[in-house]
Protein backbone atom coordinates (compact mmCIF):
# COMPACT_ATOMS: atom_id res chain seq x y z
CA MET A 1 -1.71 3.96 -19.67
CA HIS A 2 -1.18 5.92 -16.43
CA THR A 3 -1.20 3.96 -13.30
CA VAL A 4 -1.04 5.52 -9.63
CA ILE A 5 0.33 3.55 -6.70
CA VAL A 6 -0.62 5.05 -3.48
CA TYR A 7 0.68 3.54 -0.17
CA GLU A 8 1.19 3.61 3.61
CA SER A 9 4.20 2.54 4.90
CA MET A 10 5.60 2.25 8.39
CA TYR A 11 8.96 0.12 8.25
CA GLY A 12 9.65 0.50 4.86
CA ASN A 13 8.10 -3.05 3.64
CA THR A 14 5.28 -1.71 1.78
CA ARG A 15 6.94 0.97 0.13
CA GLU A 16 9.36 -1.48 -0.96
CA ILE A 17 6.32 -3.66 -2.56
CA ALA A 18 4.66 -0.57 -3.73
CA GLU A 19 8.24 0.48 -5.79
CA ALA A 20 8.21 -3.45 -6.72
CA ILE A 21 4.71 -3.22 -8.14
CA ALA A 22 5.86 0.35 -10.32
CA GLU A 23 8.54 -1.91 -11.77
CA GLY A 24 6.26 -4.75 -12.68
CA VAL A 25 3.83 -2.04 -14.25
CA HIS A 26 7.01 -0.72 -16.17
CA GLN A 27 8.00 -4.24 -17.28
CA ALA A 28 4.82 -5.03 -18.70
CA ASP A 29 4.04 -1.82 -20.38
CA PRO A 30 7.40 0.57 -20.96
CA GLY A 31 5.55 3.50 -21.70
CA ALA A 32 3.26 3.53 -19.13
CA ALA A 33 3.39 6.59 -16.77
CA VAL A 34 3.45 5.20 -13.29
CA ASP A 35 3.21 7.68 -9.93
CA CYS A 36 4.13 5.79 -6.72
CA LEU A 37 3.58 7.91 -3.82
CA PRO A 38 2.93 7.58 -0.13
CA ALA A 39 -0.88 8.78 0.83
CA ALA A 40 0.16 12.01 2.03
CA GLU A 41 1.32 12.78 -1.16
CA ALA A 42 -1.52 11.58 -3.27
CA ASP A 43 -4.51 14.35 -4.08
CA ALA A 44 -7.53 13.66 -5.59
CA GLY A 45 -6.30 15.19 -8.95
CA LEU A 46 -3.74 12.60 -9.44
CA THR A 47 -5.85 9.79 -8.82
CA ARG A 48 -8.58 10.98 -10.99
CA SER A 49 -5.97 11.10 -13.81
CA ALA A 50 -5.36 7.42 -13.31
CA ASP A 51 -6.52 4.72 -15.44
CA LEU A 52 -5.36 2.37 -12.96
CA LEU A 53 -5.31 2.87 -9.23
CA VAL A 54 -3.45 0.44 -6.63
CA VAL A 55 -3.60 1.04 -2.97
CA GLY A 56 -1.77 -0.45 -0.59
CA GLY A 57 -0.80 -0.55 3.20
CA PRO A 58 0.24 -2.33 6.36
CA THR A 59 -1.93 -4.83 8.38
CA HIS A 60 -2.49 -3.64 11.60
CA MET A 61 -4.40 -5.42 14.47
CA HIS A 62 -5.92 -7.48 11.64
CA GLY A 63 -6.76 -5.00 9.53
CA MET A 64 -6.16 -1.05 8.11
CA SER A 65 -3.86 0.67 10.17
CA SER A 66 -5.45 3.61 12.15
CA GLY A 67 -4.13 6.66 14.11
CA LEU A 68 -3.56 4.84 17.08
CA SER A 69 -1.92 1.54 15.57
CA ARG A 70 0.59 3.85 13.82
CA ARG A 71 1.31 5.89 16.70
CA MET A 72 1.81 2.41 18.93
CA ALA A 73 4.24 1.36 15.82
CA ALA A 74 6.03 4.46 15.70
CA THR A 75 6.74 4.48 19.37
CA ALA A 76 8.17 0.45 19.24
CA GLU A 77 10.44 1.36 16.52
CA LYS A 78 12.06 4.21 18.16
CA HIS A 79 13.31 2.05 20.85
CA LYS A 80 15.21 -0.53 18.60
CA GLU A 81 18.85 -0.21 17.93
CA GLY A 82 19.99 -0.03 13.86
CA ARG A 83 16.66 1.04 13.00
CA GLU A 84 17.12 4.77 12.41
CA GLU A 85 15.78 4.53 8.80
CA ALA A 86 12.55 2.85 9.71
CA ALA A 87 12.02 4.80 13.13
CA ALA A 88 12.17 7.76 10.98
CA GLU A 89 9.68 6.71 8.32
CA ALA A 90 7.64 5.24 11.15
CA ARG A 91 7.32 8.46 12.72
CA THR A 92 6.58 10.28 9.82
CA THR A 93 3.74 7.81 9.06
CA ALA A 94 2.36 8.23 12.01
CA GLU A 95 2.34 11.98 11.98
CA GLY A 96 0.51 12.05 8.62
CA PRO A 97 -2.63 10.97 7.11
CA GLY A 98 -3.16 7.30 6.95
CA LEU A 99 -5.23 5.28 4.35
CA ARG A 100 -8.48 5.49 6.35
CA SER A 101 -8.52 9.66 6.29
CA TRP A 102 -7.02 9.51 2.57
CA PHE A 103 -9.82 7.23 1.70
CA HIS A 104 -12.24 10.30 3.08
CA ASP A 105 -10.78 12.68 0.91
CA LEU A 106 -10.79 10.22 -2.23
CA PRO A 107 -13.44 11.45 -4.99
CA LYS A 108 -15.95 8.79 -6.23
CA THR A 109 -14.86 7.64 -9.62
CA GLU A 110 -16.91 6.95 -12.57
CA PRO A 111 -17.89 3.04 -12.99
CA GLY A 112 -14.67 1.30 -15.13
CA THR A 113 -11.93 2.81 -13.53
CA HIS A 114 -9.79 0.13 -12.59
CA ALA A 115 -7.95 -0.52 -8.88
CA ALA A 116 -6.39 -3.07 -7.11
CA ALA A 117 -5.37 -3.60 -3.24
CA PHE A 118 -2.85 -4.94 -1.77
CA ASP A 119 -1.26 -5.17 2.08
CA THR A 120 2.09 -6.23 3.71
CA ARG A 121 1.53 -8.73 6.60
CA VAL A 122 2.85 -11.64 8.86
CA ASP A 123 2.38 -15.14 8.35
CA MET A 124 0.44 -16.23 11.12
CA PRO A 125 -2.86 -17.67 11.86
CA ARG A 126 -5.55 -15.11 12.38
CA ALA A 127 -3.30 -12.36 11.81
CA GLY A 128 -5.69 -10.74 9.29
CA GLY A 129 -4.80 -8.18 6.41
CA ALA A 130 -5.80 -4.55 5.39
CA ALA A 131 -6.02 -5.51 1.66
CA ASN A 132 -9.81 -6.53 1.92
CA GLY A 133 -10.54 -3.44 3.81
CA ILE A 134 -8.47 -1.26 0.84
CA ALA A 135 -10.75 -3.24 -1.81
CA HIS A 136 -13.87 -2.73 0.06
CA ARG A 137 -13.13 1.25 0.40
CA LEU A 138 -12.03 1.38 -3.47
CA SER A 139 -15.01 -0.55 -4.52
CA GLY A 140 -17.46 2.01 -2.48
CA HIS A 141 -15.77 5.02 -4.11
CA HIS A 142 -16.89 3.37 -7.71
CA TYR A 143 -13.83 1.84 -8.38
CA ASP A 144 -13.86 -1.42 -10.21
CA VAL A 145 -11.20 -3.70 -8.20
CA VAL A 146 -9.86 -5.99 -11.51
CA VAL A 147 -7.94 -8.32 -9.34
CA GLU A 148 -8.12 -10.14 -5.74
CA PRO A 149 -6.57 -8.56 -3.16
CA GLU A 150 -3.03 -9.55 -2.54
CA GLY A 151 -0.81 -10.19 0.66
CA PHE A 152 2.89 -9.79 0.73
CA ILE A 153 4.60 -11.36 3.80
CA VAL A 154 7.13 -9.95 6.17
CA GLU A 155 8.93 -12.23 8.53
CA ASP A 156 8.24 -10.48 11.72
CA ASN A 157 5.95 -7.47 12.67
CA ASP A 158 8.43 -4.63 11.23
CA GLY A 159 10.17 -7.07 8.83
CA PRO A 160 12.22 -7.76 6.59
CA LEU A 161 10.09 -8.73 3.36
CA ARG A 162 10.01 -12.98 3.42
CA ALA A 163 12.34 -13.94 0.52
CA GLY A 164 10.91 -13.47 -3.05
CA GLU A 165 8.29 -11.15 -1.83
CA LEU A 166 9.58 -8.66 -4.34
CA ASP A 167 9.94 -10.89 -7.12
CA ARG A 168 6.19 -11.71 -6.36
CA ALA A 169 4.98 -8.08 -6.28
CA ARG A 170 7.03 -6.93 -9.66
CA ALA A 171 5.01 -10.17 -10.90
CA TRP A 172 1.96 -8.98 -9.75
CA GLY A 173 2.24 -5.80 -10.74
CA ALA A 174 2.90 -6.73 -14.45
CA GLY A 175 -0.18 -8.92 -14.24
CA LEU A 176 -2.09 -5.61 -13.68
CA ILE A 177 -1.40 -4.58 -17.12
C-alpha cells in the first residue's frame, strides 16, 4: 500500500500532525510506502501513485488558508521572540503555493481511490476548521473520502499542539489502514 500525506503548515503544528499520521500508518502496516511532504513538493505523479491520499492544513479565518491569510500569519510570526524556526517555516509556506492552489493542479482520479482530510485548529466556539473544505475538494476530484474529516487542536493560533494530539494523530493514521 502506498500512502501519500500532503500538508500545508505555517508554524510546524500541521507538519507534526502529518508526520504523526505517517508514523501511525507505518505502525498499522510496517510494509507500507509512505510519503509525507508539503504541498509545494507534492506533484501529480506522486499523488496518482497513492492508494490513499491524506491531505491536511491549518485553519485560517474559519476554513482553509488563502494567500492573504498565509502572508498575515508569516508577518505576525516574524515579530515573535524565540520563534525563528516557526517564522522561517511560515515565511516559506506563505511564499509557496497553499492547498487551494495545489488543489487546482490535482488531477481528477478514478472512483475508488481513497482519501482522508485533517486540519489543525484552535478549540474555540465558531473557530471553524479547514478539514471539511479539504474533504469537499477531494470529493470534487473523485476521491472517496473514507473517514470523517478530523481536526487536531492547537493551544493558541500558532501552537503548541494540545497534549495528546500527536498520539491521537498516530492512532487516526493507523485507523486509516
